[in-house]
Protein backbone atom coordinates (compact mmCIF):
# COMPACT_ATOMS: atom_id res chain seq x y z
CA MET A 1 -182.36 45.59 -163.81
CA THR A 2 -179.93 42.68 -163.60
CA ARG A 3 -176.28 43.45 -164.12
CA ASN A 4 -173.91 41.05 -165.83
CA TYR A 5 -170.55 40.89 -164.09
CA SER A 6 -167.21 40.20 -165.74
CA ASP A 7 -164.96 37.28 -164.85
CA ASP A 8 -162.59 39.84 -163.28
CA ASP A 9 -165.41 41.24 -161.09
CA PHE A 10 -166.33 37.70 -160.04
CA ALA A 11 -162.73 36.77 -159.20
CA GLU A 12 -162.10 40.04 -157.33
CA THR A 13 -165.18 39.55 -155.16
CA LEU A 14 -164.41 35.88 -154.51
CA GLU A 15 -160.85 36.71 -153.44
CA GLY A 16 -161.93 39.48 -151.05
CA MET A 17 -164.66 37.30 -149.62
CA ALA A 18 -162.39 34.26 -149.15
CA GLN A 19 -159.76 36.39 -147.44
CA ARG A 20 -162.27 37.42 -144.76
CA LEU A 21 -163.93 34.01 -144.38
CA THR A 22 -160.62 32.22 -144.01
CA GLN A 23 -159.94 34.29 -140.88
CA LEU A 24 -162.74 32.39 -139.13
CA GLU A 25 -161.17 28.95 -139.39
CA GLU A 26 -164.72 27.61 -139.86
CA PRO A 27 -166.18 25.69 -142.81
CA TRP A 28 -167.94 27.64 -145.55
CA MET A 29 -168.94 27.05 -149.15
CA VAL A 30 -170.14 28.94 -152.18
CA PHE A 31 -173.29 27.50 -153.72
CA GLY A 32 -175.86 28.50 -156.34
CA GLY A 33 -174.87 29.71 -159.77
CA ALA A 34 -171.49 30.91 -158.54
CA ALA A 35 -170.59 27.35 -157.46
CA VAL A 36 -171.67 25.99 -160.84
CA ALA A 37 -169.44 28.56 -162.56
CA LEU A 38 -166.51 27.70 -160.27
CA HIS A 39 -166.86 24.09 -161.40
CA GLY A 40 -166.44 25.32 -164.98
CA ILE A 41 -170.05 24.86 -166.09
CA ASP A 42 -171.79 27.72 -167.91
CA CYS A 43 -175.21 28.30 -166.36
CA GLY A 44 -175.66 31.87 -167.54
CA PRO A 45 -174.74 35.18 -165.93
CA ILE A 46 -173.72 35.25 -162.27
CA LYS A 47 -175.95 37.74 -160.43
CA ASP A 48 -174.55 37.21 -156.93
CA ILE A 49 -172.44 34.95 -154.76
CA ASP A 50 -174.26 32.87 -152.15
CA VAL A 51 -172.25 31.41 -149.28
CA VAL A 52 -173.37 28.92 -146.62
CA LEU A 53 -171.60 28.88 -143.28
CA PRO A 54 -172.41 27.80 -139.72
CA HIS A 55 -174.64 30.05 -137.62
CA ARG A 56 -171.84 30.83 -135.12
CA ALA A 57 -169.43 31.78 -137.92
CA ALA A 58 -171.95 34.21 -139.41
CA LEU A 59 -172.48 35.80 -135.99
CA ARG A 60 -168.71 36.18 -135.54
CA LEU A 61 -168.40 37.84 -138.96
CA SER A 62 -171.25 40.18 -138.15
CA ALA A 63 -169.51 41.22 -134.92
CA MET A 64 -166.01 41.43 -136.46
CA PHE A 65 -167.02 43.65 -139.38
CA SER A 66 -170.24 45.30 -138.04
CA TRP A 67 -172.30 43.67 -140.79
CA LYS A 68 -176.06 43.90 -140.27
CA ASN A 69 -178.18 40.73 -140.02
CA HIS A 70 -180.92 40.89 -142.69
CA ALA A 71 -182.54 37.54 -141.83
CA ASP A 72 -186.31 37.49 -141.73
CA GLU A 73 -189.06 34.92 -141.90
CA ARG A 74 -190.64 35.98 -145.20
CA SER A 75 -189.78 32.92 -147.31
CA ASP A 76 -191.75 29.71 -147.03
CA ARG A 77 -189.00 27.82 -148.90
CA PHE A 78 -185.68 29.15 -147.52
CA ARG A 79 -184.51 30.46 -144.18
CA SER A 80 -181.31 31.25 -142.36
CA ASP A 81 -180.61 32.44 -138.84
CA VAL A 82 -178.18 35.02 -140.14
CA LEU A 83 -178.19 36.74 -143.53
CA LEU A 84 -175.31 39.14 -144.16
CA ARG A 85 -174.94 41.28 -147.29
CA PRO A 86 -171.45 42.74 -146.99
CA ASP A 87 -169.83 44.88 -149.67
CA LEU A 88 -166.91 42.64 -150.67
CA GLY A 89 -166.42 43.71 -154.27
CA PRO A 90 -168.34 44.42 -157.45
CA VAL A 91 -170.57 41.30 -157.26
CA PRO A 92 -173.22 41.20 -154.49
CA VAL A 93 -172.58 38.60 -151.76
CA GLU A 94 -175.03 36.92 -149.39
CA LEU A 95 -173.63 35.01 -146.40
CA LEU A 96 -176.20 32.56 -145.02
CA GLY A 97 -175.61 31.36 -141.47
CA GLY A 98 -177.66 28.31 -140.52
CA PHE A 99 -179.21 27.99 -143.99
CA GLN A 100 -182.21 25.65 -144.35
CA VAL A 101 -184.49 24.60 -147.20
CA ARG A 102 -188.03 23.34 -146.74
CA GLY A 103 -188.18 19.82 -148.17
CA LYS A 104 -191.13 17.46 -148.47
CA SER A 105 -190.71 16.33 -144.86
CA GLY A 106 -189.83 19.68 -143.27
CA TRP A 107 -186.82 21.95 -142.91
CA VAL A 108 -183.46 20.53 -144.03
CA ALA A 109 -180.18 22.12 -142.92
CA VAL A 110 -177.61 22.70 -145.65
CA ASP A 111 -174.18 22.28 -144.11
CA CYS A 112 -170.68 22.75 -145.46
CA SER A 113 -169.77 19.09 -145.92
CA GLU A 114 -168.37 17.44 -149.05
CA THR A 115 -166.53 20.50 -150.30
CA GLN A 116 -163.48 20.96 -152.44
CA GLY A 117 -161.17 23.94 -152.70
CA ILE A 118 -160.74 25.84 -155.95
CA GLN A 119 -157.93 28.36 -156.31
CA VAL A 120 -159.09 31.88 -157.20
CA GLY A 121 -156.13 34.23 -157.37
CA ALA A 122 -154.32 34.01 -154.03
CA GLN A 123 -157.27 32.43 -152.17
CA ARG A 124 -158.96 29.03 -151.86
CA VAL A 125 -162.71 29.10 -152.42
CA PHE A 126 -164.76 26.13 -151.23
CA VAL A 127 -167.64 24.64 -153.21
CA PRO A 128 -169.72 21.48 -152.79
CA SER A 129 -168.81 18.47 -154.91
CA LEU A 130 -170.81 18.39 -158.14
CA GLU A 131 -172.97 15.54 -156.85
CA ARG A 132 -173.75 17.40 -153.62
CA LEU A 133 -174.41 20.64 -155.49
CA ALA A 134 -176.94 18.88 -157.75
CA ASN A 135 -178.62 17.41 -154.64
CA ILE A 136 -178.87 20.87 -153.06
CA PHE A 137 -180.44 22.23 -156.25
CA ARG A 138 -182.99 19.41 -156.34
CA LEU A 139 -183.83 20.12 -152.68
CA CYS A 140 -184.31 23.84 -153.45
CA GLY A 141 -186.72 22.80 -156.20
CA ARG A 142 -187.19 26.04 -158.11
CA GLU A 143 -187.20 25.88 -161.91
CA LYS A 144 -183.73 27.45 -162.14
CA ASP A 145 -182.42 25.01 -159.52
CA ILE A 146 -183.76 21.98 -161.40
CA ARG A 147 -182.22 23.35 -164.61
CA ARG A 148 -178.85 23.71 -162.87
CA ALA A 149 -179.05 20.17 -161.44
CA LYS A 150 -179.69 18.85 -164.95
CA LEU A 151 -176.69 20.80 -166.32
CA ILE A 152 -174.50 19.15 -163.68
CA GLU A 153 -175.91 15.68 -164.38
CA ARG A 154 -175.20 16.03 -168.11
CA ARG A 155 -171.57 16.81 -167.44
């Protein structure tokens, strides 16, 4: 069963997450449906918050907060060196360290470049520019990703 989260749940989780990630002084960014929503585009209910960050930053977080690494090699489309699923509020969060997507010519690293900060409560949350976000969705290539890229392009 998929749960629909309120705007308050979303903001609470984003604030708690940003507070911890800011301690790292490393780049990070929200992507996926949560990033689309942060840009003010309605793409349907937010089911979770996906965050990309450098491999070393994810390892530091894991050590700092004793968060278990759930990374595995089961996906033929996506992989990350570190996958953390910390409890940071009502909305589930996945922190992806060293995130890569399999493109037509092999694995492509998704880094934290071309971001902008959006204020959520007392914290800054970083998201890719709309153009970069659409490019990431096209790279991911799933039906929902293509739909999200088209929503961005129509804006």
